């Protein structure tokens, strides 16, 4: 936690927290595009294990995403 807090990339900690709150794996998280996210429905459509899946997003995940630049 301390090392993350010292990171000079302001988007790194939100990405880590998003990974923890959404259960997305690194590959899905890094490939996530705004066109695959529905903040109102609180869901993300990602490619996982050979198929597109819809992941529910927690309120915290939606808050994190809303504060990222689009």
PDB file of N, CA and C in Angstrom:
ATOM      1  N   UNK A   1       0.830  -1.189   0.000  1.00  0.00           N
ATOM      2  CA  UNK A   1       0.000   0.000   0.000  1.00  0.00           C
ATOM      3  C   UNK A   1       0.876   1.255   0.000  1.00  0.00           C
ATOM      4  N   UNK A   2       1.949   1.228   0.780  1.00  0.00           N
ATOM      5  CA  UNK A   2       2.823   2.390   0.837  1.00  0.00           C
ATOM      6  C   UNK A   2       3.476   2.631  -0.523  1.00  0.00           C
ATOM      7  N   UNK A   3       3.951   1.571  -1.170  1.00  0.00           N
ATOM      8  CA  UNK A   3       4.596   1.722  -2.475  1.00  0.00           C
ATOM      9  C   UNK A   3       3.612   2.268  -3.499  1.00  0.00           C
ATOM     10  N   UNK A   4       2.362   1.804  -3.457  1.00  0.00           N
ATOM     11  CA  UNK A   4       1.358   2.327  -4.379  1.00  0.00           C
ATOM     12  C   UNK A   4       1.094   3.809  -4.124  1.00  0.00           C
ATOM     13  N   UNK A   5       1.097   4.173  -2.860  1.00  0.00           N
ATOM     14  CA  UNK A   5       0.881   5.561  -2.498  1.00  0.00           C
ATOM     15  C   UNK A   5       1.993   6.478  -2.977  1.00  0.00           C
ATOM     16  N   UNK A   6       3.179   5.923  -3.167  1.00  0.00           N
ATOM     17  CA  UNK A   6       4.326   6.706  -3.618  1.00  0.00           C
ATOM     18  C   UNK A   6       4.477   6.714  -5.141  1.00  0.00           C
ATOM     19  N   UNK A   7       3.643   5.980  -5.834  1.00  0.00           N
ATOM     20  CA  UNK A   7       3.720   5.912  -7.296  1.00  0.00           C
ATOM     21  C   UNK A   7       3.370   7.276  -7.880  1.00  0.00           C
ATOM     22  N   UNK A   8       4.141   7.708  -8.879  1.00  0.00           N
ATOM     23  CA  UNK A   8       3.898   9.032  -9.462  1.00  0.00           C
ATOM     24  C   UNK A   8       2.854   9.008 -10.584  1.00  0.00           C
ATOM     25  N   UNK A   9       2.305   7.855 -10.910  1.00  0.00           N
ATOM     26  CA  UNK A   9       1.247   7.753 -11.914  1.00  0.00           C
ATOM     27  C   UNK A   9      -0.100   7.842 -11.196  1.00  0.00           C
ATOM     28  N   UNK A  10      -0.851   8.932 -11.381  1.00  0.00           N
ATOM     29  CA  UNK A  10      -2.102   9.110 -10.639  1.00  0.00           C
ATOM     30  C   UNK A  10      -3.189   8.104 -11.012  1.00  0.00           C
ATOM     31  N   UNK A  11      -3.029   7.381 -12.114  1.00  0.00           N
ATOM     32  CA  UNK A  11      -4.049   6.404 -12.503  1.00  0.00           C
ATOM     33  C   UNK A  11      -3.729   4.996 -12.014  1.00  0.00           C
ATOM     34  N   UNK A  12      -2.563   4.799 -11.428  1.00  0.00           N
ATOM     35  CA  UNK A  12      -2.179   3.453 -11.024  1.00  0.00           C
ATOM     36  C   UNK A  12      -3.005   2.937  -9.855  1.00  0.00           C
ATOM     37  N   UNK A  13      -3.121   3.728  -8.794  1.00  0.00           N
ATOM     38  CA  UNK A  13      -3.883   3.262  -7.632  1.00  0.00           C
ATOM     39  C   UNK A  13      -5.359   3.029  -7.975  1.00  0.00           C
ATOM     40  N   UNK A  14      -6.032   3.926  -8.713  1.00  0.00           N
ATOM     41  CA  UNK A  14      -7.414   3.622  -9.088  1.00  0.00           C
ATOM     42  C   UNK A  14      -7.531   2.325  -9.890  1.00  0.00           C
ATOM     43  N   UNK A  15      -6.530   2.028 -10.738  1.00  0.00           N
ATOM     44  CA  UNK A  15      -6.579   0.789 -11.512  1.00  0.00           C
ATOM     45  C   UNK A  15      -6.454  -0.427 -10.596  1.00  0.00           C
ATOM     46  N   UNK A  16      -5.581  -0.339  -9.610  1.00  0.00           N
ATOM     47  CA  UNK A  16      -5.430  -1.448  -8.657  1.00  0.00           C
ATOM     48  C   UNK A  16      -6.714  -1.620  -7.864  1.00  0.00           C
ATOM     49  N   UNK A  17      -7.274  -0.524  -7.392  1.00  0.00           N
ATOM     50  CA  UNK A  17      -8.516  -0.608  -6.621  1.00  0.00           C
ATOM     51  C   UNK A  17      -9.660  -1.137  -7.488  1.00  0.00           C
ATOM     52  N   UNK A  18      -9.702  -0.734  -8.750  1.00  0.00           N
ATOM     53  CA  UNK A  18     -10.723  -1.240  -9.662  1.00  0.00           C
ATOM     54  C   UNK A  18     -10.561  -2.750  -9.855  1.00  0.00           C
ATOM     55  N   UNK A  19      -9.341  -3.200  -9.993  1.00  0.00           N
ATOM     56  CA  UNK A  19      -9.095  -4.645 -10.123  1.00  0.00           C
ATOM     57  C   UNK A  19      -9.605  -5.388  -8.895  1.00  0.00           C
ATOM     58  N   UNK A  20      -9.365  -4.837  -7.725  1.00  0.00           N
ATOM     59  CA  UNK A  20      -9.808  -5.488  -6.490  1.00  0.00           C
ATOM     60  C   UNK A  20     -11.326  -5.477  -6.336  1.00  0.00           C
ATOM     61  N   UNK A  21     -11.966  -4.376  -6.716  1.00  0.00           N
ATOM     62  CA  UNK A  21     -13.413  -4.272  -6.519  1.00  0.00           C
ATOM     63  C   UNK A  21     -14.220  -4.931  -7.620  1.00  0.00           C
ATOM     64  N   UNK A  22     -13.609  -5.108  -8.804  1.00  0.00           N
ATOM     65  CA  UNK A  22     -14.372  -5.669  -9.916  1.00  0.00           C
ATOM     66  C   UNK A  22     -14.034  -7.127 -10.216  1.00  0.00           C
ATOM     67  N   UNK A  23     -12.974  -7.635  -9.642  1.00  0.00           N
ATOM     68  CA  UNK A  23     -12.449  -8.988  -9.887  1.00  0.00           C
ATOM     69  C   UNK A  23     -11.942  -9.167 -11.311  1.00  0.00           C
ATOM     70  N   UNK A  24     -11.727  -8.060 -12.043  1.00  0.00           N
ATOM     71  CA  UNK A  24     -11.172  -8.169 -13.387  1.00  0.00           C
ATOM     72  C   UNK A  24      -9.703  -8.550 -13.288  1.00  0.00           C
ATOM     73  N   UNK A  25      -9.285  -9.379 -14.202  1.00  0.00           N
ATOM     74  CA  UNK A  25      -7.874  -9.725 -14.281  1.00  0.00           C
ATOM     75  C   UNK A  25      -7.140  -8.652 -15.066  1.00  0.00           C
ATOM     76  N   UNK A  26      -5.825  -8.689 -14.988  1.00  0.00           N
ATOM     77  CA  UNK A  26      -4.989  -7.656 -15.603  1.00  0.00           C
ATOM     78  C   UNK A  26      -5.310  -7.461 -17.084  1.00  0.00           C
ATOM     79  N   UNK A  27      -5.376  -8.538 -17.846  1.00  0.00           N
ATOM     80  CA  UNK A  27      -5.626  -8.421 -19.275  1.00  0.00           C
ATOM     81  C   UNK A  27      -6.957  -7.764 -19.585  1.00  0.00           C
ATOM     82  N   UNK A  28      -8.001  -8.183 -18.893  1.00  0.00           N
ATOM     83  CA  UNK A  28      -9.327  -7.587 -19.107  1.00  0.00           C
ATOM     84  C   UNK A  28      -9.339  -6.130 -18.700  1.00  0.00           C
ATOM     85  N   UNK A  29      -8.694  -5.824 -17.606  1.00  0.00           N
ATOM     86  CA  UNK A  29      -8.664  -4.448 -17.111  1.00  0.00           C
ATOM     87  C   UNK A  29      -7.913  -3.531 -18.072  1.00  0.00           C
ATOM     88  N   UNK A  30      -6.775  -3.994 -18.570  1.00  0.00           N
ATOM     89  CA  UNK A  30      -5.974  -3.160 -19.473  1.00  0.00           C
ATOM     90  C   UNK A  30      -6.618  -2.991 -20.842  1.00  0.00           C
ATOM     91  N   UNK A  31      -7.463  -3.929 -21.248  1.00  0.00           N
ATOM     92  CA  UNK A  31      -8.146  -3.834 -22.540  1.00  0.00           C
ATOM     93  C   UNK A  31      -9.509  -3.149 -22.435  1.00  0.00           C
ATOM     94  N   UNK A  32      -9.917  -2.817 -21.237  1.00  0.00           N
ATOM     95  CA  UNK A  32     -11.235  -2.216 -21.037  1.00  0.00           C
ATOM     96  C   UNK A  32     -11.316  -0.866 -21.747  1.00  0.00           C
ATOM     97  N   UNK A  33     -12.377  -0.678 -22.508  1.00  0.00           N
ATOM     98  CA  UNK A  33     -12.609   0.575 -23.225  1.00  0.00           C
ATOM     99  C   UNK A  33     -13.924   1.176 -22.753  1.00  0.00           C
ATOM    100  N   UNK A  34     -14.020   2.497 -22.859  1.00  0.00           N
ATOM    101  CA  UNK A  34     -15.256   3.164 -22.432  1.00  0.00           C
ATOM    102  C   UNK A  34     -16.470   2.614 -23.166  1.00  0.00           C
ATOM    103  N   UNK A  35     -16.286   2.175 -24.398  1.00  0.00           N
ATOM    104  CA  UNK A  35     -17.411   1.642 -25.169  1.00  0.00           C
ATOM    105  C   UNK A  35     -17.935   0.322 -24.587  1.00  0.00           C
ATOM    106  N   UNK A  36     -17.174  -0.289 -23.696  1.00  0.00           N
ATOM    107  CA  UNK A  36     -17.582  -1.552 -23.075  1.00  0.00           C
ATOM    108  C   UNK A  36     -18.078  -1.367 -21.646  1.00  0.00           C
ATOM    109  N   UNK A  37     -18.246  -0.129 -21.236  1.00  0.00           N
ATOM    110  CA  UNK A  37     -18.657   0.159 -19.858  1.00  0.00           C
ATOM    111  C   UNK A  37     -19.989   0.903 -19.882  1.00  0.00           C
ATOM    112  N   UNK A  38     -20.919   0.438 -19.054  1.00  0.00           N
ATOM    113  CA  UNK A  38     -22.197   1.129 -18.875  1.00  0.00           C
ATOM    114  C   UNK A  38     -22.292   1.507 -17.397  1.00  0.00           C
ATOM    115  N   UNK A  39     -21.945   2.756 -17.113  1.00  0.00           N
ATOM    116  CA  UNK A  39     -21.922   3.194 -15.721  1.00  0.00           C
ATOM    117  C   UNK A  39     -23.325   3.245 -15.119  1.00  0.00           C
ATOM    118  N   UNK A  40     -24.326   3.604 -15.920  1.00  0.00           N
ATOM    119  CA  UNK A  40     -25.695   3.663 -15.406  1.00  0.00           C
ATOM    120  C   UNK A  40     -26.211   2.278 -15.037  1.00  0.00           C
ATOM    121  N   UNK A  41     -25.888   1.288 -15.850  1.00  0.00           N
ATOM    122  CA  UNK A  41     -26.314  -0.087 -15.558  1.00  0.00           C
ATOM    123  C   UNK A  41     -25.343  -0.781 -14.604  1.00  0.00           C
ATOM    124  N   UNK A  42     -24.215  -0.112 -14.327  1.00  0.00           N
ATOM    125  CA  UNK A  42     -23.171  -0.654 -13.447  1.00  0.00           C
ATOM    126  C   UNK A  42     -22.674  -2.015 -13.938  1.00  0.00           C
ATOM    127  N   UNK A  43     -22.224  -2.033 -15.203  1.00  0.00           N
ATOM    128  CA  UNK A  43     -21.668  -3.268 -15.745  1.00  0.00           C
ATOM    129  C   UNK A  43     -20.601  -2.969 -16.782  1.00  0.00           C
ATOM    130  N   UNK A  44     -19.712  -3.945 -16.947  1.00  0.00           N
ATOM    131  CA  UNK A  44     -18.655  -3.857 -17.952  1.00  0.00           C
ATOM    132  C   UNK A  44     -18.677  -5.139 -18.767  1.00  0.00           C
ATOM    133  N   UNK A  45     -18.458  -4.988 -20.055  1.00  0.00           N
ATOM    134  CA  UNK A  45     -18.422  -6.135 -20.953  1.00  0.00           C
ATOM    135  C   UNK A  45     -16.958  -6.373 -21.316  1.00  0.00           C
ATOM    136  N   UNK A  46     -16.440  -7.523 -20.895  1.00  0.00           N
ATOM    137  CA  UNK A  46     -15.032  -7.831 -21.108  1.00  0.00           C
ATOM    138  C   UNK A  46     -14.882  -9.202 -21.742  1.00  0.00           C
ATOM    139  N   UNK A  47     -13.744  -9.389 -22.384  1.00  0.00           N
ATOM    140  CA  UNK A  47     -13.412 -10.681 -22.976  1.00  0.00           C
ATOM    141  C   UNK A  47     -12.675 -11.484 -21.916  1.00  0.00           C
ATOM    142  N   UNK A  48     -13.192 -12.645 -21.576  1.00  0.00           N
ATOM    143  CA  UNK A  48     -12.559 -13.486 -20.558  1.00  0.00           C
ATOM    144  C   UNK A  48     -12.789 -14.953 -20.891  1.00  0.00           C
ATOM    145  N   UNK A  49     -11.719 -15.699 -20.857  1.00  0.00           N
ATOM    146  CA  UNK A  49     -11.776 -17.147 -21.081  1.00  0.00           C
ATOM    147  C   UNK A  49     -12.459 -17.509 -22.395  1.00  0.00           C
ATOM    148  N   UNK A  50     -12.153 -16.756 -23.453  1.00  0.00           N
ATOM    149  CA  UNK A  50     -12.655 -17.087 -24.778  1.00  0.00           C
ATOM    150  C   UNK A  50     -14.060 -16.617 -25.098  1.00  0.00           C
ATOM    151  N   UNK A  51     -14.649 -15.808 -24.251  1.00  0.00           N
ATOM    152  CA  UNK A  51     -16.003 -15.314 -24.510  1.00  0.00           C
ATOM    153  C   UNK A  51     -16.181 -13.941 -23.862  1.00  0.00           C
ATOM    154  N   UNK A  52     -17.118 -13.188 -24.404  1.00  0.00           N
ATOM    155  CA  UNK A  52     -17.438 -11.905 -23.774  1.00  0.00           C
ATOM    156  C   UNK A  52     -18.340 -12.169 -22.581  1.00  0.00           C
ATOM    157  N   UNK A  53     -17.993 -11.571 -21.457  1.00  0.00           N
ATOM    158  CA  UNK A  53     -18.803 -11.716 -20.251  1.00  0.00           C
ATOM    159  C   UNK A  53     -19.189 -10.331 -19.744  1.00  0.00           C
ATOM    160  N   UNK A  54     -20.292 -10.279 -19.050  1.00  0.00           N
ATOM    161  CA  UNK A  54     -20.741  -9.037 -18.438  1.00  0.00           C
ATOM    162  C   UNK A  54     -20.457  -9.120 -16.946  1.00  0.00           C
ATOM    163  N   UNK A  55     -19.668  -8.168 -16.477  1.00  0.00           N
ATOM    164  CA  UNK A  55     -19.329  -8.127 -15.058  1.00  0.00           C
ATOM    165  C   UNK A  55     -20.109  -7.014 -14.377  1.00  0.00           C
ATOM    166  N   UNK A  56     -20.729  -7.311 -13.256  1.00  0.00           N
ATOM    167  CA  UNK A  56     -21.375  -6.243 -12.501  1.00  0.00           C
ATOM    168  C   UNK A  56     -20.304  -5.358 -11.871  1.00  0.00           C
ATOM    169  N   UNK A  57     -20.567  -4.077 -11.795  1.00  0.00           N
ATOM    170  CA  UNK A  57     -19.641  -3.134 -11.176  1.00  0.00           C
ATOM    171  C   UNK A  57     -20.229  -2.637  -9.864  1.00  0.00           C
ATOM    172  N   UNK A  58     -19.421  -2.663  -8.833  1.00  0.00           N
ATOM    173  CA  UNK A  58     -19.853  -2.139  -7.540  1.00  0.00           C
ATOM    174  C   UNK A  58     -19.993  -0.624  -7.630  1.00  0.00           C
ATOM    175  N   UNK A  59     -20.639  -0.048  -6.649  1.00  0.00           N
ATOM    176  CA  UNK A  59     -20.751   1.414  -6.618  1.00  0.00           C
ATOM    177  C   UNK A  59     -19.361   2.053  -6.549  1.00  0.00           C
ATOM    178  N   UNK A  60     -18.466   1.421  -5.798  1.00  0.00           N
ATOM    179  CA  UNK A  60     -17.097   1.943  -5.687  1.00  0.00           C
ATOM    180  C   UNK A  60     -16.402   1.894  -7.049  1.00  0.00           C
ATOM    181  N   UNK A  61     -16.572   0.816  -7.798  1.00  0.00           N
ATOM    182  CA  UNK A  61     -15.962   0.696  -9.118  1.00  0.00           C
ATOM    183  C   UNK A  61     -16.486   1.792 -10.044  1.00  0.00           C
ATOM    184  N   UNK A  62     -17.778   2.059  -9.990  1.00  0.00           N
ATOM    185  CA  UNK A  62     -18.375   3.117 -10.823  1.00  0.00           C
ATOM    186  C   UNK A  62     -17.788   4.465 -10.431  1.00  0.00           C
ATOM    187  N   UNK A  63     -17.645   4.720  -9.151  1.00  0.00           N
ATOM    188  CA  UNK A  63     -17.054   5.974  -8.685  1.00  0.00           C
ATOM    189  C   UNK A  63     -15.633   6.122  -9.193  1.00  0.00           C
ATOM    190  N   UNK A  64     -14.846   5.059  -9.105  1.00  0.00           N
ATOM    191  CA  UNK A  64     -13.476   5.107  -9.612  1.00  0.00           C
ATOM    192  C   UNK A  64     -13.456   5.416 -11.098  1.00  0.00           C
ATOM    193  N   UNK A  65     -14.304   4.764 -11.856  1.00  0.00           N
ATOM    194  CA  UNK A  65     -14.344   4.983 -13.300  1.00  0.00           C
ATOM    195  C   UNK A  65     -14.802   6.389 -13.647  1.00  0.00           C
ATOM    196  N   UNK A  66     -15.765   6.918 -12.904  1.00  0.00           N
ATOM    197  CA  UNK A  66     -16.256   8.271 -13.179  1.00  0.00           C
ATOM    198  C   UNK A  66     -15.154   9.319 -12.987  1.00  0.00           C
ATOM    199  N   UNK A  67     -14.178   9.035 -12.137  1.00  0.00           N
ATOM    200  CA  UNK A  67     -13.124  10.000 -11.869  1.00  0.00           C
ATOM    201  C   UNK A  67     -11.911   9.855 -12.785  1.00  0.00           C
ATOM    202  N   UNK A  68     -11.950   8.887 -13.713  1.00  0.00           N
ATOM    203  CA  UNK A  68     -10.867   8.731 -14.676  1.00  0.00           C
ATOM    204  C   UNK A  68     -11.168   9.548 -15.917  1.00  0.00           C
ATOM    205  N   UNK A  69     -10.142  10.043 -16.581  1.00  0.00           N
ATOM    206  CA  UNK A  69     -10.398  10.761 -17.839  1.00  0.00           C
ATOM    207  C   UNK A  69     -10.894   9.802 -18.903  1.00  0.00           C
ATOM    208  N   UNK A  70     -11.773  10.263 -19.765  1.00  0.00           N
ATOM    209  CA  UNK A  70     -12.292   9.392 -20.833  1.00  0.00           C
ATOM    210  C   UNK A  70     -11.656   9.653 -22.157  1.00  0.00           C
TER     211      UNK A  70
END
